[in-house]
Amino acid sequence: HTVMMSLPGFLTLARLAVFSPPSRERDQWRAALIANIVT
């Protein structure tokens, strides 16, 4: 149940953080993605 609730947001954030064009928001998303991976 925990993994199923985590995956939609995590995968969405990962996709945009990795494949979005360079921008200030992409830097924000990548910082949040790294923090989320560790957590």
PDB file of all heavy atoms in Angstrom:
ATOM      1  N   HIS A   1       0.835  -1.209   0.000  1.00  0.00           N
ATOM      2  CA  HIS A   1       0.000   0.000   0.000  1.00  0.00           C
ATOM      3  C   HIS A   1       0.873   1.264   0.000  1.00  0.00           C
ATOM      4  O   HIS A   1       0.613   2.218  -0.746  1.00  0.00           O
ATOM      5  CB  HIS A   1      -0.911  -0.019   1.227  1.00  0.00           C
ATOM      6  CG  HIS A   1      -1.916   1.093   1.239  1.00  0.00           C
ATOM      7  ND1 HIS A   1      -2.462   1.585   2.398  1.00  0.00           N
ATOM      8  CD2 HIS A   1      -2.458   1.845   0.241  1.00  0.00           C
ATOM      9  CE1 HIS A   1      -3.306   2.561   2.115  1.00  0.00           C
ATOM     10  NE2 HIS A   1      -3.318   2.734   0.808  1.00  0.00           N
ATOM     11  N   THR A   2       1.916   1.257   0.807  1.00  0.00           N
ATOM     12  CA  THR A   2       2.806   2.416   0.879  1.00  0.00           C
ATOM     13  C   THR A   2       3.517   2.658  -0.450  1.00  0.00           C
ATOM     14  O   THR A   2       3.610   3.794  -0.926  1.00  0.00           O
ATOM     15  CB  THR A   2       3.845   2.204   1.996  1.00  0.00           C
ATOM     16  OG1 THR A   2       3.171   2.017   3.243  1.00  0.00           O
ATOM     17  CG2 THR A   2       4.787   3.399   2.103  1.00  0.00           C
ATOM     18  N   VAL A   3       4.014   1.587  -1.060  1.00  0.00           N
ATOM     19  CA  VAL A   3       4.710   1.719  -2.343  1.00  0.00           C
ATOM     20  C   VAL A   3       3.764   2.205  -3.430  1.00  0.00           C
ATOM     21  O   VAL A   3       4.113   3.073  -4.251  1.00  0.00           O
ATOM     22  CB  VAL A   3       5.358   0.375  -2.728  1.00  0.00           C
ATOM     23  CG1 VAL A   3       5.918   0.441  -4.149  1.00  0.00           C
ATOM     24  CG2 VAL A   3       6.466   0.012  -1.744  1.00  0.00           C
ATOM     25  N   MET A   4       2.536   1.676  -3.436  1.00  0.00           N
ATOM     26  CA  MET A   4       1.566   2.084  -4.458  1.00  0.00           C
ATOM     27  C   MET A   4       1.205   3.559  -4.325  1.00  0.00           C
ATOM     28  O   MET A   4       0.999   4.242  -5.332  1.00  0.00           O
ATOM     29  CB  MET A   4       0.308   1.214  -4.353  1.00  0.00           C
ATOM     30  CG  MET A   4       0.495  -0.214  -4.821  1.00  0.00           C
ATOM     31  SD  MET A   4      -1.016  -1.196  -4.635  1.00  0.00           S
ATOM     32  CE  MET A   4      -2.122  -0.322  -5.738  1.00  0.00           C
ATOM     33  N   MET A   5       1.130   4.054  -3.102  1.00  0.00           N
ATOM     34  CA  MET A   5       0.845   5.479  -2.919  1.00  0.00           C
ATOM     35  C   MET A   5       2.042   6.348  -3.279  1.00  0.00           C
ATOM     36  O   MET A   5       1.876   7.504  -3.671  1.00  0.00           O
ATOM     37  CB  MET A   5       0.417   5.736  -1.469  1.00  0.00           C
ATOM     38  CG  MET A   5      -0.946   5.190  -1.108  1.00  0.00           C
ATOM     39  SD  MET A   5      -1.521   5.739   0.515  1.00  0.00           S
ATOM     40  CE  MET A   5      -0.298   4.990   1.588  1.00  0.00           C
ATOM     41  N   SER A   6       3.242   5.817  -3.147  1.00  0.00           N
ATOM     42  CA  SER A   6       4.451   6.603  -3.406  1.00  0.00           C
ATOM     43  C   SER A   6       4.779   6.703  -4.889  1.00  0.00           C
ATOM     44  O   SER A   6       5.304   7.730  -5.336  1.00  0.00           O
ATOM     45  CB  SER A   6       5.645   5.980  -2.673  1.00  0.00           C
ATOM     46  OG  SER A   6       5.401   5.882  -1.299  1.00  0.00           O
ATOM     47  N   LEU A   7       4.502   5.647  -5.651  1.00  0.00           N
ATOM     48  CA  LEU A   7       4.973   5.575  -7.028  1.00  0.00           C
ATOM     49  C   LEU A   7       4.450   6.686  -7.945  1.00  0.00           C
ATOM     50  O   LEU A   7       5.239   7.250  -8.711  1.00  0.00           O
ATOM     51  CB  LEU A   7       4.632   4.206  -7.623  1.00  0.00           C
ATOM     52  CG  LEU A   7       5.587   3.063  -7.248  1.00  0.00           C
ATOM     53  CD1 LEU A   7       5.105   1.752  -7.857  1.00  0.00           C
ATOM     54  CD2 LEU A   7       6.999   3.374  -7.709  1.00  0.00           C
ATOM     55  N   PRO A   8       3.136   7.019  -7.937  1.00  0.00           N
ATOM     56  CA  PRO A   8       2.673   8.043  -8.898  1.00  0.00           C
ATOM     57  C   PRO A   8       3.422   9.367  -8.784  1.00  0.00           C
ATOM     58  O   PRO A   8       3.901   9.903  -9.785  1.00  0.00           O
ATOM     59  CB  PRO A   8       1.185   8.192  -8.539  1.00  0.00           C
ATOM     60  CG  PRO A   8       0.802   6.899  -7.911  1.00  0.00           C
ATOM     61  CD  PRO A   8       2.007   6.459  -7.155  1.00  0.00           C
ATOM     62  N   GLY A   9       3.528   9.894  -7.578  1.00  0.00           N
ATOM     63  CA  GLY A   9       4.229  11.165  -7.414  1.00  0.00           C
ATOM     64  C   GLY A   9       5.716  11.038  -7.692  1.00  0.00           C
ATOM     65  O   GLY A   9       6.322  11.917  -8.317  1.00  0.00           O
ATOM     66  N   PHE A  10       6.321   9.937  -7.243  1.00  0.00           N
ATOM     67  CA  PHE A  10       7.755   9.758  -7.416  1.00  0.00           C
ATOM     68  C   PHE A  10       8.114   9.639  -8.896  1.00  0.00           C
ATOM     69  O   PHE A  10       9.061  10.272  -9.376  1.00  0.00           O
ATOM     70  CB  PHE A  10       8.201   8.505  -6.662  1.00  0.00           C
ATOM     71  CG  PHE A  10       9.687   8.348  -6.573  1.00  0.00           C
ATOM     72  CD1 PHE A  10      10.416   9.023  -5.607  1.00  0.00           C
ATOM     73  CD2 PHE A  10      10.371   7.553  -7.466  1.00  0.00           C
ATOM     74  CE1 PHE A  10      11.793   8.887  -5.524  1.00  0.00           C
ATOM     75  CE2 PHE A  10      11.744   7.409  -7.406  1.00  0.00           C
ATOM     76  CZ  PHE A  10      12.455   8.082  -6.426  1.00  0.00           C
ATOM     77  N   LEU A  11       7.363   8.820  -9.643  1.00  0.00           N
ATOM     78  CA  LEU A  11       7.659   8.628 -11.066  1.00  0.00           C
ATOM     79  C   LEU A  11       7.403   9.901 -11.861  1.00  0.00           C
ATOM     80  O   LEU A  11       8.147  10.228 -12.794  1.00  0.00           O
ATOM     81  CB  LEU A  11       6.834   7.469 -11.619  1.00  0.00           C
ATOM     82  CG  LEU A  11       7.178   6.078 -11.057  1.00  0.00           C
ATOM     83  CD1 LEU A  11       6.252   5.024 -11.641  1.00  0.00           C
ATOM     84  CD2 LEU A  11       8.633   5.725 -11.348  1.00  0.00           C
ATOM     85  N   THR A  12       6.333  10.633 -11.508  1.00  0.00           N
ATOM     86  CA  THR A  12       6.045  11.889 -12.203  1.00  0.00           C
ATOM     87  C   THR A  12       7.164  12.904 -11.982  1.00  0.00           C
ATOM     88  O   THR A  12       7.641  13.552 -12.922  1.00  0.00           O
ATOM     89  CB  THR A  12       4.708  12.466 -11.717  1.00  0.00           C
ATOM     90  OG1 THR A  12       3.665  11.517 -11.947  1.00  0.00           O
ATOM     91  CG2 THR A  12       4.385  13.756 -12.445  1.00  0.00           C
ATOM     92  N   LEU A  13       7.586  13.032 -10.735  1.00  0.00           N
ATOM     93  CA  LEU A  13       8.681  13.954 -10.423  1.00  0.00           C
ATOM     94  C   LEU A  13       9.965  13.531 -11.122  1.00  0.00           C
ATOM     95  O   LEU A  13      10.697  14.371 -11.670  1.00  0.00           O
ATOM     96  CB  LEU A  13       8.890  14.016  -8.915  1.00  0.00           C
ATOM     97  CG  LEU A  13      10.049  14.878  -8.412  1.00  0.00           C
ATOM     98  CD1 LEU A  13       9.846  16.333  -8.811  1.00  0.00           C
ATOM     99  CD2 LEU A  13      10.195  14.757  -6.892  1.00  0.00           C
ATOM    100  N   ALA A  14      10.260  12.219 -11.133  1.00  0.00           N
ATOM    101  CA  ALA A  14      11.484  11.726 -11.766  1.00  0.00           C
ATOM    102  C   ALA A  14      11.474  12.002 -13.264  1.00  0.00           C
ATOM    103  O   ALA A  14      12.485  12.435 -13.840  1.00  0.00           O
ATOM    104  CB  ALA A  14      11.643  10.242 -11.489  1.00  0.00           C
ATOM    105  N   ARG A  15      10.340  11.760 -13.902  1.00  0.00           N
ATOM    106  CA  ARG A  15      10.261  11.977 -15.354  1.00  0.00           C
ATOM    107  C   ARG A  15      10.502  13.433 -15.711  1.00  0.00           C
ATOM    108  O   ARG A  15      11.279  13.752 -16.632  1.00  0.00           O
ATOM    109  CB  ARG A  15       8.882  11.535 -15.862  1.00  0.00           C
ATOM    110  CG  ARG A  15       8.641  11.793 -17.345  1.00  0.00           C
ATOM    111  CD  ARG A  15       7.304  11.229 -17.787  1.00  0.00           C
ATOM    112  NE  ARG A  15       6.207  11.784 -17.021  1.00  0.00           N
ATOM    113  CZ  ARG A  15       5.622  12.952 -17.295  1.00  0.00           C
ATOM    114  NH1 ARG A  15       6.055  13.694 -18.315  1.00  0.00           N
ATOM    115  NH2 ARG A  15       4.616  13.390 -16.572  1.00  0.00           N
ATOM    116  N   LEU A  16       9.862  14.353 -14.993  1.00  0.00           N
ATOM    117  CA  LEU A  16      10.023  15.772 -15.304  1.00  0.00           C
ATOM    118  C   LEU A  16      11.412  16.282 -14.914  1.00  0.00           C
ATOM    119  O   LEU A  16      11.986  17.122 -15.603  1.00  0.00           O
ATOM    120  CB  LEU A  16       8.946  16.571 -14.579  1.00  0.00           C
ATOM    121  CG  LEU A  16       7.520  16.340 -15.080  1.00  0.00           C
ATOM    122  CD1 LEU A  16       6.508  17.057 -14.198  1.00  0.00           C
ATOM    123  CD2 LEU A  16       7.374  16.810 -16.522  1.00  0.00           C
ATOM    124  N   ALA A  17      11.954  15.767 -13.802  1.00  0.00           N
ATOM    125  CA  ALA A  17      13.276  16.220 -13.368  1.00  0.00           C
ATOM    126  C   ALA A  17      14.375  15.781 -14.322  1.00  0.00           C
ATOM    127  O   ALA A  17      15.383  16.478 -14.485  1.00  0.00           O
ATOM    128  CB  ALA A  17      13.568  15.702 -11.965  1.00  0.00           C
ATOM    129  N   VAL A  18      14.190  14.639 -14.967  1.00  0.00           N
ATOM    130  CA  VAL A  18      15.225  14.095 -15.838  1.00  0.00           C
ATOM    131  C   VAL A  18      15.079  14.581 -17.279  1.00  0.00           C
ATOM    132  O   VAL A  18      16.068  14.935 -17.940  1.00  0.00           O
ATOM    133  CB  VAL A  18      15.212  12.554 -15.786  1.00  0.00           C
ATOM    134  CG1 VAL A  18      16.187  11.968 -16.820  1.00  0.00           C
ATOM    135  CG2 VAL A  18      15.569  12.063 -14.389  1.00  0.00           C
ATOM    136  N   PHE A  19      13.847  14.631 -17.775  1.00  0.00           N
ATOM    137  CA  PHE A  19      13.648  14.873 -19.203  1.00  0.00           C
ATOM    138  C   PHE A  19      13.165  16.275 -19.553  1.00  0.00           C
ATOM    139  O   PHE A  19      13.025  16.587 -20.733  1.00  0.00           O
ATOM    140  CB  PHE A  19      12.645  13.848 -19.759  1.00  0.00           C
ATOM    141  CG  PHE A  19      13.115  12.425 -19.644  1.00  0.00           C
ATOM    142  CD1 PHE A  19      12.542  11.563 -18.724  1.00  0.00           C
ATOM    143  CD2 PHE A  19      14.164  11.957 -20.433  1.00  0.00           C
ATOM    144  CE1 PHE A  19      12.981  10.249 -18.606  1.00  0.00           C
ATOM    145  CE2 PHE A  19      14.607  10.652 -20.316  1.00  0.00           C
ATOM    146  CZ  PHE A  19      14.024   9.795 -19.400  1.00  0.00           C
ATOM    147  N   SER A  20      12.896  17.127 -18.584  1.00  0.00           N
ATOM    148  CA  SER A  20      12.455  18.493 -18.897  1.00  0.00           C
ATOM    149  C   SER A  20      13.619  19.314 -19.436  1.00  0.00           C
ATOM    150  O   SER A  20      14.781  19.059 -19.105  1.00  0.00           O
ATOM    151  CB  SER A  20      11.885  19.168 -17.649  1.00  0.00           C
ATOM    152  OG  SER A  20      10.713  18.522 -17.224  1.00  0.00           O
ATOM    153  N   PRO A  21      13.341  20.324 -20.253  1.00  0.00           N
ATOM    154  CA  PRO A  21      14.416  21.210 -20.729  1.00  0.00           C
ATOM    155  C   PRO A  21      14.990  22.010 -19.570  1.00  0.00           C
ATOM    156  O   PRO A  21      14.337  22.202 -18.542  1.00  0.00           O
ATOM    157  CB  PRO A  21      13.702  22.116 -21.747  1.00  0.00           C
ATOM    158  CG  PRO A  21      12.259  22.046 -21.390  1.00  0.00           C
ATOM    159  CD  PRO A  21      12.030  20.682 -20.830  1.00  0.00           C
ATOM    160  N   PRO A  22      16.225  22.491 -19.711  1.00  0.00           N
ATOM    161  CA  PRO A  22      16.862  23.243 -18.624  1.00  0.00           C
ATOM    162  C   PRO A  22      16.033  24.450 -18.193  1.00  0.00           C
ATOM    163  O   PRO A  22      15.544  25.211 -19.023  1.00  0.00           O
ATOM    164  CB  PRO A  22      18.199  23.678 -19.237  1.00  0.00           C
ATOM    165  CG  PRO A  22      18.465  22.680 -20.321  1.00  0.00           C
ATOM    166  CD  PRO A  22      17.119  22.321 -20.875  1.00  0.00           C
ATOM    167  N   SER A  23      15.859  24.590 -16.883  1.00  0.00           N
ATOM    168  CA  SER A  23      15.117  25.714 -16.328  1.00  0.00           C
ATOM    169  C   SER A  23      15.364  25.754 -14.825  1.00  0.00           C
ATOM    170  O   SER A  23      15.915  24.807 -14.243  1.00  0.00           O
ATOM    171  CB  SER A  23      13.614  25.589 -16.609  1.00  0.00           C
ATOM    172  OG  SER A  23      13.077  24.476 -15.926  1.00  0.00           O
ATOM    173  N   ARG A  24      14.928  26.844 -14.198  1.00  0.00           N
ATOM    174  CA  ARG A  24      15.041  26.958 -12.740  1.00  0.00           C
ATOM    175  C   ARG A  24      14.168  25.895 -12.073  1.00  0.00           C
ATOM    176  O   ARG A  24      14.550  25.312 -11.054  1.00  0.00           O
ATOM    177  CB  ARG A  24      14.613  28.359 -12.309  1.00  0.00           C
ATOM    178  CG  ARG A  24      14.551  28.556 -10.786  1.00  0.00           C
ATOM    179  CD  ARG A  24      15.927  28.417 -10.166  1.00  0.00           C
ATOM    180  NE  ARG A  24      15.863  28.466  -8.718  1.00  0.00           N
ATOM    181  CZ  ARG A  24      15.856  29.585  -8.007  1.00  0.00           C
ATOM    182  NH1 ARG A  24      15.882  30.749  -8.609  1.00  0.00           N
ATOM    183  NH2 ARG A  24      15.839  29.543  -6.690  1.00  0.00           N
ATOM    184  N   GLU A  25      12.997  25.637 -12.649  1.00  0.00           N
ATOM    185  CA  GLU A  25      12.106  24.641 -12.052  1.00  0.00           C
ATOM    186  C   GLU A  25      12.709  23.248 -12.129  1.00  0.00           C
ATOM    187  O   GLU A  25      12.545  22.446 -11.212  1.00  0.00           O
ATOM    188  CB  GLU A  25      10.744  24.663 -12.741  1.00  0.00           C
ATOM    189  CG  GLU A  25       9.876  25.828 -12.304  1.00  0.00           C
ATOM    190  CD  GLU A  25       8.420  25.606 -12.646  1.00  0.00           C
ATOM    191  OE1 GLU A  25       8.170  25.098 -13.760  1.00  0.00           O
ATOM    192  OE2 GLU A  25       7.553  25.933 -11.823  1.00  0.00           O
ATOM    193  N   ARG A  26      13.402  22.942 -13.226  1.00  0.00           N
ATOM    194  CA  ARG A  26      14.019  21.616 -13.319  1.00  0.00           C
ATOM    195  C   ARG A  26      15.071  21.445 -12.223  1.00  0.00           C
ATOM    196  O   ARG A  26      15.213  20.356 -11.657  1.00  0.00           O
ATOM    197  CB  ARG A  26      14.655  21.405 -14.691  1.00  0.00           C
ATOM    198  CG  ARG A  26      15.097  19.957 -14.915  1.00  0.00           C
ATOM    199  CD  ARG A  26      15.834  19.773 -16.221  1.00  0.00           C
ATOM    200  NE  ARG A  26      17.160  20.401 -16.174  1.00  0.00           N
ATOM    201  CZ  ARG A  26      18.092  20.223 -17.104  1.00  0.00           C
ATOM    202  NH1 ARG A  26      17.849  19.432 -18.149  1.00  0.00           N
ATOM    203  NH2 ARG A  26      19.262  20.828 -17.009  1.00  0.00           N
ATOM    204  N   ASP A  27      15.795  22.500 -11.901  1.00  0.00           N
ATOM    205  CA  ASP A  27      16.758  22.426 -10.806  1.00  0.00           C
ATOM    206  C   ASP A  27      16.041  22.132  -9.483  1.00  0.00           C
ATOM    207  O   ASP A  27      16.532  21.349  -8.659  1.00  0.00           O
ATOM    208  CB  ASP A  27      17.543  23.735 -10.701  1.00  0.00           C
ATOM    209  CG  ASP A  27      18.414  23.984 -11.921  1.00  0.00           C
ATOM    210  OD1 ASP A  27      18.734  23.010 -12.623  1.00  0.00           O
ATOM    211  OD2 ASP A  27      18.763  25.154 -12.169  1.00  0.00           O
ATOM    212  N   GLN A  28      14.891  22.776  -9.281  1.00  0.00           N
ATOM    213  CA  GLN A  28      14.102  22.508  -8.074  1.00  0.00           C
ATOM    214  C   GLN A  28      13.653  21.054  -8.035  1.00  0.00           C
ATOM    215  O   GLN A  28      13.748  20.386  -7.004  1.00  0.00           O
ATOM    216  CB  GLN A  28      12.882  23.425  -8.033  1.00  0.00           C
ATOM    217  CG  GLN A  28      13.198  24.890  -7.825  1.00  0.00           C
ATOM    218  CD  GLN A  28      11.933  25.721  -7.790  1.00  0.00           C
ATOM    219  OE1 GLN A  28      10.922  25.370  -8.387  1.00  0.00           O
ATOM    220  NE2 GLN A  28      11.990  26.845  -7.088  1.00  0.00           N
ATOM    221  N   TRP A  29      13.150  20.572  -9.157  1.00  0.00           N
ATOM    222  CA  TRP A  29      12.649  19.194  -9.205  1.00  0.00           C
ATOM    223  C   TRP A  29      13.771  18.187  -8.965  1.00  0.00           C
ATOM    224  O   TRP A  29      13.564  17.169  -8.292  1.00  0.00           O
ATOM    225  CB  TRP A  29      11.982  18.934 -10.558  1.00  0.00           C
ATOM    226  CG  TRP A  29      10.773  19.792 -10.795  1.00  0.00           C
ATOM    227  CD1 TRP A  29      10.024  20.427  -9.837  1.00  0.00           C
ATOM    228  CD2 TRP A  29      10.191  20.146 -12.053  1.00  0.00           C
ATOM    229  NE1 TRP A  29       9.010  21.131 -10.419  1.00  0.00           N
ATOM    230  CE2 TRP A  29       9.079  20.986 -11.776  1.00  0.00           C
ATOM    231  CE3 TRP A  29      10.490  19.831 -13.377  1.00  0.00           C
ATOM    232  CZ2 TRP A  29       8.273  21.507 -12.794  1.00  0.00           C
ATOM    233  CZ3 TRP A  29       9.686  20.345 -14.385  1.00  0.00           C
ATOM    234  CH2 TRP A  29       8.597  21.181 -14.089  1.00  0.00           C
ATOM    235  N   ARG A  30      14.943  18.456  -9.517  1.00  0.00           N
ATOM    236  CA  ARG A  30      16.062  17.525  -9.315  1.00  0.00           C
ATOM    237  C   ARG A  30      16.516  17.511  -7.855  1.00  0.00           C
ATOM    238  O   ARG A  30      16.836  16.449  -7.322  1.00  0.00           O
ATOM    239  CB  ARG A  30      17.219  17.906 -10.247  1.00  0.00           C
ATOM    240  CG  ARG A  30      16.927  17.585 -11.711  1.00  0.00           C
ATOM    241  CD  ARG A  30      18.131  17.819 -12.604  1.00  0.00           C
ATOM    242  NE  ARG A  30      17.880  17.323 -13.957  1.00  0.00           N
ATOM    243  CZ  ARG A  30      18.765  17.319 -14.935  1.00  0.00           C
ATOM    244  NH1 ARG A  30      19.982  17.807 -14.717  1.00  0.00           N
ATOM    245  NH2 ARG A  30      18.452  16.846 -16.126  1.00  0.00           N
ATOM    246  N   ALA A  31      16.543  18.680  -7.240  1.00  0.00           N
ATOM    247  CA  ALA A  31      16.910  18.726  -5.819  1.00  0.00           C
ATOM    248  C   ALA A  31      15.903  17.959  -4.979  1.00  0.00           C
ATOM    249  O   ALA A  31      16.265  17.201  -4.064  1.00  0.00           O
ATOM    250  CB  ALA A  31      17.002  20.177  -5.357  1.00  0.00           C
ATOM    251  N   ALA A  32      14.608  18.135  -5.286  1.00  0.00           N
ATOM    252  CA  ALA A  32      13.571  17.406  -4.550  1.00  0.00           C
ATOM    253  C   ALA A  32      13.648  15.913  -4.831  1.00  0.00           C
ATOM    254  O   ALA A  32      13.418  15.082  -3.934  1.00  0.00           O
ATOM    255  CB  ALA A  32      12.195  17.942  -4.936  1.00  0.00           C
ATOM    256  N   LEU A  33      13.961  15.533  -6.069  1.00  0.00           N
ATOM    257  CA  LEU A  33      14.055  14.117  -6.424  1.00  0.00           C
ATOM    258  C   LEU A  33      15.172  13.428  -5.649  1.00  0.00           C
ATOM    259  O   LEU A  33      14.987  12.327  -5.110  1.00  0.00           O
ATOM    260  CB  LEU A  33      14.285  13.973  -7.933  1.00  0.00           C
ATOM    261  CG  LEU A  33      14.454  12.538  -8.454  1.00  0.00           C
ATOM    262  CD1 LEU A  33      13.183  11.734  -8.212  1.00  0.00           C
ATOM    263  CD2 LEU A  33      14.822  12.546  -9.932  1.00  0.00           C
ATOM    264  N   ILE A  34      16.331  14.070  -5.566  1.00  0.00           N
ATOM    265  CA  ILE A  34      17.447  13.474  -4.822  1.00  0.00           C
ATOM    266  C   ILE A  34      17.081  13.305  -3.351  1.00  0.00           C
ATOM    267  O   ILE A  34      17.332  12.257  -2.744  1.00  0.00           O
ATOM    268  CB  ILE A  34      18.709  14.358  -4.978  1.00  0.00           C
ATOM    269  CG1 ILE A  34      19.192  14.341  -6.436  1.00  0.00           C
ATOM    270  CG2 ILE A  34      19.813  13.878  -4.040  1.00  0.00           C
ATOM    271  CD1 ILE A  34      20.312  15.324  -6.713  1.00  0.00           C
ATOM    272  N   ALA A  35      16.454  14.340  -2.782  1.00  0.00           N
ATOM    273  CA  ALA A  35      16.037  14.251  -1.374  1.00  0.00           C
ATOM    274  C   ALA A  35      15.025  13.135  -1.180  1.00  0.00           C
ATOM    275  O   ALA A  35      15.077  12.382  -0.192  1.00  0.00           O
ATOM    276  CB  ALA A  35      15.459  15.587  -0.914  1.00  0.00           C
ATOM    277  N   ASN A  36      14.098  12.976  -2.131  1.00  0.00           N
ATOM    278  CA  ASN A  36      13.087  11.926  -2.020  1.00  0.00           C
ATOM    279  C   ASN A  36      13.683  10.538  -2.173  1.00  0.00           C
ATOM    280  O   ASN A  36      13.263   9.598  -1.490  1.00  0.00           O
ATOM    281  CB  ASN A  36      11.986  12.141  -3.062  1.00  0.00           C
ATOM    282  CG  ASN A  36      10.939  13.128  -2.609  1.00  0.00           C
ATOM    283  OD1 ASN A  36       9.844  12.745  -2.215  1.00  0.00           O
ATOM    284  ND2 ASN A  36      11.252  14.403  -2.661  1.00  0.00           N
ATOM    285  N   ILE A  37      14.660  10.393  -3.068  1.00  0.00           N
ATOM    286  CA  ILE A  37      15.301   9.087  -3.242  1.00  0.00           C
ATOM    287  C   ILE A  37      15.954   8.647  -1.942  1.00  0.00           C
ATOM    288  O   ILE A  37      15.805   7.498  -1.505  1.00  0.00           O
ATOM    289  CB  ILE A  37      16.346   9.153  -4.381  1.00  0.00           C
ATOM    290  CG1 ILE A  37      15.640   9.272  -5.743  1.00  0.00           C
ATOM    291  CG2 ILE A  37      17.238   7.916  -4.365  1.00  0.00           C
ATOM    292  CD1 ILE A  37      16.599   9.480  -6.897  1.00  0.00           C
ATOM    293  N   VAL A  38      16.651   9.572  -1.291  1.00  0.00           N
ATOM    294  CA  VAL A  38      17.322   9.238  -0.024  1.00  0.00           C
ATOM    295  C   VAL A  38      16.295   8.903   1.051  1.00  0.00           C
ATOM    296  O   VAL A  38      16.439   7.922   1.790  1.00  0.00           O
ATOM    297  CB  VAL A  38      18.227  10.399   0.417  1.00  0.00           C
ATOM    298  CG1 VAL A  38      18.842  10.113   1.777  1.00  0.00           C
ATOM    299  CG2 VAL A  38      19.328  10.640  -0.614  1.00  0.00           C
ATOM    300  N   THR A  39      15.231   9.719   1.151  1.00  0.00           N
ATOM    301  CA  THR A  39      14.228   9.495   2.191  1.00  0.00           C
ATOM    302  C   THR A  39      13.500   8.174   1.994  1.00  0.00           C
ATOM    303  O   THR A  39      13.337   7.385   2.934  1.00  0.00           O
ATOM    304  CB  THR A  39      13.216  10.651   2.207  1.00  0.00           C
ATOM    305  OG1 THR A  39      13.910  11.880   2.419  1.00  0.00           O
ATOM    306  CG2 THR A  39      12.197  10.461   3.316  1.00  0.00           C
TER     307      THR A  39
END
